[in-house]
Amino acid sequence: LLDSATTESHRLHQYIENLLQATKLQHGALRFNKSTDSILNVVSQTIDRFPESQQRIKLIAATPLPTLQISSSLIEQAIFNVLDNALRYTPSDYMVNINAYQAGNDVILDIQDEGDGITIDQAVHIFDLFYSENTLKNNDSGTGLGLAVAKGILTAHNGNVEAIPVTHGCLIRIRLPITKEEQ
């Protein structure tokens, strides 16, 4: 009973945090300071926030990756939101893979799950505020805030997030730019 209450309190905290961030993003009030950090450090901290699902998350990293000028806590929240969705829609006996690499002047995180995937129509809307797909298998589609907040945070960092068509599961690509002083 205590574990269940703790889990639900963490979920409620995440919903409230996403709602606050969505409101700040919508009103242009999101202010943050950037510092130099490794994306692999941020991803590792994010994975640590999933103590019961860590064994289901596999990080594959091309090293060395350049450090980035980012707000680590905000980028962690964006990655958390994408990873939370991936874990939610992947059967519990399957993995979620995170592939981190550099492509040109960007650091890329490909987060791929082994769920049922999404349609082209869903891919167009999944980053819209309050969009959720109630017809998905487990009917626990969330509030429709997480991916919209992730997109807002990444856009504020001059990056982006998109759903990439794949034949199996769902692939969400996060792209963050490397500034000249980071190269």
C-alpha atoms as a PDB file:
ATOM      1  CA  LEU A   1       0.000   0.000   0.000  1.00  0.00           C
ATOM      2  CA  LEU A   2       2.862   2.349   0.850  1.00  0.00           C
ATOM      3  CA  ASP A   3       4.648   1.539  -2.434  1.00  0.00           C
ATOM      4  CA  SER A   4       1.453   2.249  -4.343  1.00  0.00           C
ATOM      5  CA  ALA A   5       0.986   5.579  -2.566  1.00  0.00           C
ATOM      6  CA  THR A   6       4.604   6.523  -3.256  1.00  0.00           C
ATOM      7  CA  THR A   7       4.280   5.624  -6.936  1.00  0.00           C
ATOM      8  CA  GLU A   8       1.094   7.655  -7.290  1.00  0.00           C
ATOM      9  CA  SER A   9       2.629  10.646  -5.493  1.00  0.00           C
ATOM     10  CA  HIS A  10       5.571  10.586  -7.932  1.00  0.00           C
ATOM     11  CA  ARG A  11       3.150  10.434 -10.850  1.00  0.00           C
ATOM     12  CA  LEU A  12       1.122  13.355  -9.458  1.00  0.00           C
ATOM     13  CA  HIS A  13       4.319  15.356  -8.928  1.00  0.00           C
ATOM     14  CA  GLN A  14       5.302  14.743 -12.568  1.00  0.00           C
ATOM     15  CA  TYR A  15       1.862  15.842 -13.798  1.00  0.00           C
ATOM     16  CA  ILE A  16       2.036  19.041 -11.753  1.00  0.00           C
ATOM     17  CA  GLU A  17       5.586  19.767 -12.935  1.00  0.00           C
ATOM     18  CA  ASN A  18       4.518  19.263 -16.558  1.00  0.00           C
ATOM     19  CA  LEU A  19       1.476  21.487 -16.109  1.00  0.00           C
ATOM     20  CA  LEU A  20       3.628  24.254 -14.615  1.00  0.00           C
ATOM     21  CA  GLN A  21       6.191  23.974 -17.409  1.00  0.00           C
ATOM     22  CA  ALA A  22       3.451  23.937 -20.074  1.00  0.00           C
ATOM     23  CA  THR A  23       1.964  27.101 -18.584  1.00  0.00           C
ATOM     24  CA  LYS A  24       5.354  28.817 -18.490  1.00  0.00           C
ATOM     25  CA  LEU A  25       6.090  27.777 -22.077  1.00  0.00           C
ATOM     26  CA  GLN A  26       2.688  28.935 -23.297  1.00  0.00           C
ATOM     27  CA  HIS A  27       3.132  32.359 -21.702  1.00  0.00           C
ATOM     28  CA  GLY A  28       6.774  32.776 -22.669  1.00  0.00           C
ATOM     29  CA  ALA A  29       7.788  32.785 -19.013  1.00  0.00           C
ATOM     30  CA  LEU A  30      10.218  29.863 -19.077  1.00  0.00           C
ATOM     31  CA  ARG A  31      13.542  31.266 -17.917  1.00  0.00           C
ATOM     32  CA  PHE A  32      16.610  29.134 -17.432  1.00  0.00           C
ATOM     33  CA  ASN A  33      20.354  29.274 -17.174  1.00  0.00           C
ATOM     34  CA  LYS A  34      22.538  27.123 -19.360  1.00  0.00           C
ATOM     35  CA  SER A  35      25.721  25.428 -18.251  1.00  0.00           C
ATOM     36  CA  THR A  36      28.076  22.928 -19.827  1.00  0.00           C
ATOM     37  CA  ASP A  37      27.045  19.310 -19.327  1.00  0.00           C
ATOM     38  CA  SER A  38      27.354  15.933 -20.981  1.00  0.00           C
ATOM     39  CA  ILE A  39      24.165  14.582 -22.547  1.00  0.00           C
ATOM     40  CA  LEU A  40      25.208  11.131 -21.319  1.00  0.00           C
ATOM     41  CA  ASN A  41      25.293  12.463 -17.753  1.00  0.00           C
ATOM     42  CA  VAL A  42      21.797  13.903 -18.169  1.00  0.00           C
ATOM     43  CA  VAL A  43      20.479  10.660 -19.698  1.00  0.00           C
ATOM     44  CA  SER A  44      22.003   8.626 -16.850  1.00  0.00           C
ATOM     45  CA  GLN A  45      20.348  10.887 -14.270  1.00  0.00           C
ATOM     46  CA  THR A  46      17.061  10.495 -16.114  1.00  0.00           C
ATOM     47  CA  ILE A  47      17.321   6.701 -16.137  1.00  0.00           C
ATOM     48  CA  ASP A  48      17.964   6.815 -12.374  1.00  0.00           C
ATOM     49  CA  ARG A  49      14.483   8.340 -11.990  1.00  0.00           C
ATOM     50  CA  PHE A  50      12.995   5.000 -13.091  1.00  0.00           C
ATOM     51  CA  PRO A  51      14.174   2.679 -10.289  1.00  0.00           C
ATOM     52  CA  GLU A  52      11.641  -0.054 -11.096  1.00  0.00           C
ATOM     53  CA  SER A  53      12.255   0.093 -14.862  1.00  0.00           C
ATOM     54  CA  GLN A  54      16.026   0.656 -15.107  1.00  0.00           C
ATOM     55  CA  GLN A  55      16.636  -2.905 -16.256  1.00  0.00           C
ATOM     56  CA  ARG A  56      14.303  -2.242 -19.231  1.00  0.00           C
ATOM     57  CA  ILE A  57      16.297   0.757 -20.477  1.00  0.00           C
ATOM     58  CA  LYS A  58      19.388   0.224 -22.623  1.00  0.00           C
ATOM     59  CA  LEU A  59      21.698   3.155 -23.401  1.00  0.00           C
ATOM     60  CA  ILE A  60      23.904   2.801 -26.474  1.00  0.00           C
ATOM     61  CA  ALA A  61      26.303   5.714 -26.802  1.00  0.00           C
ATOM     62  CA  ALA A  62      28.814   6.682 -29.425  1.00  0.00           C
ATOM     63  CA  THR A  63      31.643   8.248 -27.504  1.00  0.00           C
ATOM     64  CA  PRO A  64      33.057  10.742 -27.154  1.00  0.00           C
ATOM     65  CA  LEU A  65      30.115  13.093 -27.449  1.00  0.00           C
ATOM     66  CA  PRO A  66      30.689  16.836 -27.086  1.00  0.00           C
ATOM     67  CA  THR A  67      29.350  18.624 -24.035  1.00  0.00           C
ATOM     68  CA  LEU A  68      26.392  20.933 -24.549  1.00  0.00           C
ATOM     69  CA  GLN A  69      25.272  24.314 -23.238  1.00  0.00           C
ATOM     70  CA  ILE A  70      21.949  23.321 -21.690  1.00  0.00           C
ATOM     71  CA  SER A  71      19.752  23.595 -18.652  1.00  0.00           C
ATOM     72  CA  SER A  72      20.424  20.066 -17.425  1.00  0.00           C
ATOM     73  CA  SER A  73      17.296  19.889 -15.262  1.00  0.00           C
ATOM     74  CA  LEU A  74      15.011  20.969 -18.102  1.00  0.00           C
ATOM     75  CA  ILE A  75      16.619  18.618 -20.626  1.00  0.00           C
ATOM     76  CA  GLU A  76      16.331  15.844 -18.043  1.00  0.00           C
ATOM     77  CA  GLN A  77      12.610  16.605 -17.746  1.00  0.00           C
ATOM     78  CA  ALA A  78      12.180  16.492 -21.535  1.00  0.00           C
ATOM     79  CA  ILE A  79      13.988  13.144 -21.774  1.00  0.00           C
ATOM     80  CA  PHE A  80      12.023  11.842 -18.780  1.00  0.00           C
ATOM     81  CA  ASN A  81       8.734  12.674 -20.496  1.00  0.00           C
ATOM     82  CA  VAL A  82       9.705  10.861 -23.699  1.00  0.00           C
ATOM     83  CA  LEU A  83      11.147   7.882 -21.806  1.00  0.00           C
ATOM     84  CA  ASP A  84       8.086   7.688 -19.543  1.00  0.00           C
ATOM     85  CA  ASN A  85       5.856   7.375 -22.617  1.00  0.00           C
ATOM     86  CA  ALA A  86       8.136   4.761 -24.161  1.00  0.00           C
ATOM     87  CA  LEU A  87       8.066   2.653 -20.995  1.00  0.00           C
ATOM     88  CA  ARG A  88       4.304   3.057 -20.635  1.00  0.00           C
ATOM     89  CA  TYR A  89       3.583   1.751 -24.131  1.00  0.00           C
ATOM     90  CA  THR A  90       6.167  -1.038 -24.197  1.00  0.00           C
ATOM     91  CA  PRO A  91       5.235  -4.440 -22.771  1.00  0.00           C
ATOM     92  CA  SER A  92       6.993  -5.009 -19.452  1.00  0.00           C
ATOM     93  CA  ASP A  93       9.165  -7.812 -20.835  1.00  0.00           C
ATOM     94  CA  TYR A  94      10.610  -5.658 -23.665  1.00  0.00           C
ATOM     95  CA  MET A  95      13.396  -3.069 -23.738  1.00  0.00           C
ATOM     96  CA  VAL A  96      13.437   0.636 -24.510  1.00  0.00           C
ATOM     97  CA  ASN A  97      16.629   1.620 -26.326  1.00  0.00           C
ATOM     98  CA  ILE A  98      18.312   5.009 -26.191  1.00  0.00           C
ATOM     99  CA  ASN A  99      20.895   5.568 -28.901  1.00  0.00           C
ATOM    100  CA  ALA A 100      23.072   8.671 -28.362  1.00  0.00           C
ATOM    101  CA  TYR A 101      25.318   9.923 -31.162  1.00  0.00           C
ATOM    102  CA  GLN A 102      26.577  12.991 -33.002  1.00  0.00           C
ATOM    103  CA  ALA A 103      25.291  13.858 -36.478  1.00  0.00           C
ATOM    104  CA  GLY A 104      26.886  16.941 -37.978  1.00  0.00           C
ATOM    105  CA  ASN A 105      26.448  19.839 -35.568  1.00  0.00           C
ATOM    106  CA  ASP A 106      23.848  18.048 -33.439  1.00  0.00           C
ATOM    107  CA  VAL A 107      23.760  15.521 -30.632  1.00  0.00           C
ATOM    108  CA  ILE A 108      20.956  13.036 -31.248  1.00  0.00           C
ATOM    109  CA  LEU A 109      19.033  10.849 -28.821  1.00  0.00           C
ATOM    110  CA  ASP A 110      16.916   8.181 -30.494  1.00  0.00           C
ATOM    111  CA  ILE A 111      14.489   6.673 -27.991  1.00  0.00           C
ATOM    112  CA  GLN A 112      12.820   3.586 -29.424  1.00  0.00           C
ATOM    113  CA  ASP A 113      10.245   1.429 -27.733  1.00  0.00           C
ATOM    114  CA  GLU A 114       8.869  -2.003 -28.592  1.00  0.00           C
ATOM    115  CA  GLY A 115       5.199  -1.089 -28.271  1.00  0.00           C
ATOM    116  CA  ASP A 116       2.490  -1.144 -30.910  1.00  0.00           C
ATOM    117  CA  GLY A 117       3.794   2.034 -32.507  1.00  0.00           C
ATOM    118  CA  ILE A 118       1.810   5.037 -33.655  1.00  0.00           C
ATOM    119  CA  THR A 119      -0.035   5.937 -36.814  1.00  0.00           C
ATOM    120  CA  ILE A 120       1.028   8.745 -39.140  1.00  0.00           C
ATOM    121  CA  ASP A 121      -1.928  10.797 -37.865  1.00  0.00           C
ATOM    122  CA  GLN A 122      -0.867  10.252 -34.249  1.00  0.00           C
ATOM    123  CA  ALA A 123       2.734  11.191 -35.111  1.00  0.00           C
ATOM    124  CA  VAL A 124       1.500  14.561 -36.369  1.00  0.00           C
ATOM    125  CA  HIS A 125      -0.320  15.310 -33.094  1.00  0.00           C
ATOM    126  CA  ILE A 126       1.595  13.634 -30.251  1.00  0.00           C
ATOM    127  CA  PHE A 127       3.526  16.819 -29.456  1.00  0.00           C
ATOM    128  CA  ASP A 128       0.363  18.957 -29.297  1.00  0.00           C
ATOM    129  CA  LEU A 129      -0.672  20.247 -25.875  1.00  0.00           C
ATOM    130  CA  PHE A 130      -3.306  17.994 -24.252  1.00  0.00           C
ATOM    131  CA  TYR A 131      -3.242  15.447 -27.072  1.00  0.00           C
ATOM    132  CA  SER A 132      -3.578  11.895 -25.798  1.00  0.00           C
ATOM    133  CA  GLU A 133      -4.665   8.755 -27.560  1.00  0.00           C
ATOM    134  CA  ASN A 134      -7.233   6.948 -25.400  1.00  0.00           C
ATOM    135  CA  THR A 135      -7.552   4.095 -27.865  1.00  0.00           C
ATOM    136  CA  LEU A 136      -4.073   2.775 -27.127  1.00  0.00           C
ATOM    137  CA  LYS A 137      -3.812  -0.647 -25.563  1.00  0.00           C
ATOM    138  CA  ASN A 138      -3.543   0.180 -21.856  1.00  0.00           C
ATOM    139  CA  ASN A 139      -5.910   3.200 -21.769  1.00  0.00           C
ATOM    140  CA  ASP A 140      -3.416   4.985 -19.483  1.00  0.00           C
ATOM    141  CA  SER A 141      -2.517   7.577 -22.058  1.00  0.00           C
ATOM    142  CA  GLY A 142      -1.665  10.304 -19.589  1.00  0.00           C
ATOM    143  CA  THR A 143      -2.653  13.946 -19.645  1.00  0.00           C
ATOM    144  CA  GLY A 144      -1.310  14.996 -23.015  1.00  0.00           C
ATOM    145  CA  LEU A 145       1.238  17.287 -21.379  1.00  0.00           C
ATOM    146  CA  GLY A 146       4.504  15.339 -21.348  1.00  0.00           C
ATOM    147  CA  LEU A 147       5.472  15.362 -25.011  1.00  0.00           C
ATOM    148  CA  ALA A 148       4.223  18.936 -25.517  1.00  0.00           C
ATOM    149  CA  VAL A 149       6.396  20.072 -22.607  1.00  0.00           C
ATOM    150  CA  ALA A 150       9.358  18.103 -23.975  1.00  0.00           C
ATOM    151  CA  LYS A 151       8.927  19.828 -27.334  1.00  0.00           C
ATOM    152  CA  GLY A 152       8.737  23.255 -25.695  1.00  0.00           C
ATOM    153  CA  ILE A 153      11.866  22.659 -23.627  1.00  0.00           C
ATOM    154  CA  LEU A 154      13.820  21.364 -26.615  1.00  0.00           C
ATOM    155  CA  THR A 155      12.639  24.231 -28.816  1.00  0.00           C
ATOM    156  CA  ALA A 156      13.776  26.685 -26.121  1.00  0.00           C
ATOM    157  CA  HIS A 157      17.233  25.056 -26.450  1.00  0.00           C
ATOM    158  CA  ASN A 158      17.153  25.505 -30.263  1.00  0.00           C
ATOM    159  CA  GLY A 159      16.636  21.759 -30.599  1.00  0.00           C
ATOM    160  CA  ASN A 160      13.684  19.674 -31.648  1.00  0.00           C
ATOM    161  CA  VAL A 161      11.856  16.415 -31.131  1.00  0.00           C
ATOM    162  CA  GLU A 162      10.008  14.360 -33.716  1.00  0.00           C
ATOM    163  CA  ALA A 163       8.463  10.960 -34.300  1.00  0.00           C
ATOM    164  CA  ILE A 164      10.434   9.020 -36.908  1.00  0.00           C
ATOM    165  CA  PRO A 165       8.544   6.404 -38.962  1.00  0.00           C
ATOM    166  CA  VAL A 166       9.738   2.862 -38.169  1.00  0.00           C
ATOM    167  CA  THR A 167       8.373  -0.573 -38.963  1.00  0.00           C
ATOM    168  CA  HIS A 168       8.139  -1.679 -35.319  1.00  0.00           C
ATOM    169  CA  GLY A 169       7.472   0.285 -32.138  1.00  0.00           C
ATOM    170  CA  CYS A 170       7.870   4.035 -31.893  1.00  0.00           C
ATOM    171  CA  LEU A 171      11.039   6.079 -32.414  1.00  0.00           C
ATOM    172  CA  ILE A 172      11.272   9.560 -30.930  1.00  0.00           C
ATOM    173  CA  ARG A 173      14.313  11.584 -32.014  1.00  0.00           C
ATOM    174  CA  ILE A 174      15.646  14.392 -29.835  1.00  0.00           C
ATOM    175  CA  ARG A 175      18.093  16.738 -31.539  1.00  0.00           C
ATOM    176  CA  LEU A 176      20.203  19.301 -29.633  1.00  0.00           C
ATOM    177  CA  PRO A 177      22.598  21.661 -31.385  1.00  0.00           C
ATOM    178  CA  ILE A 178      26.277  21.847 -30.590  1.00  0.00           C
ATOM    179  CA  THR A 179      27.380  25.462 -30.379  1.00  0.00           C
ATOM    180  CA  LYS A 180      30.751  26.480 -31.806  1.00  0.00           C
ATOM    181  CA  GLU A 181      32.424  26.745 -28.411  1.00  0.00           C
ATOM    182  CA  GLU A 182      31.260  23.176 -27.615  1.00  0.00           C
ATOM    183  CA  GLN A 183      32.911  21.540 -30.633  1.00  0.00           C
END
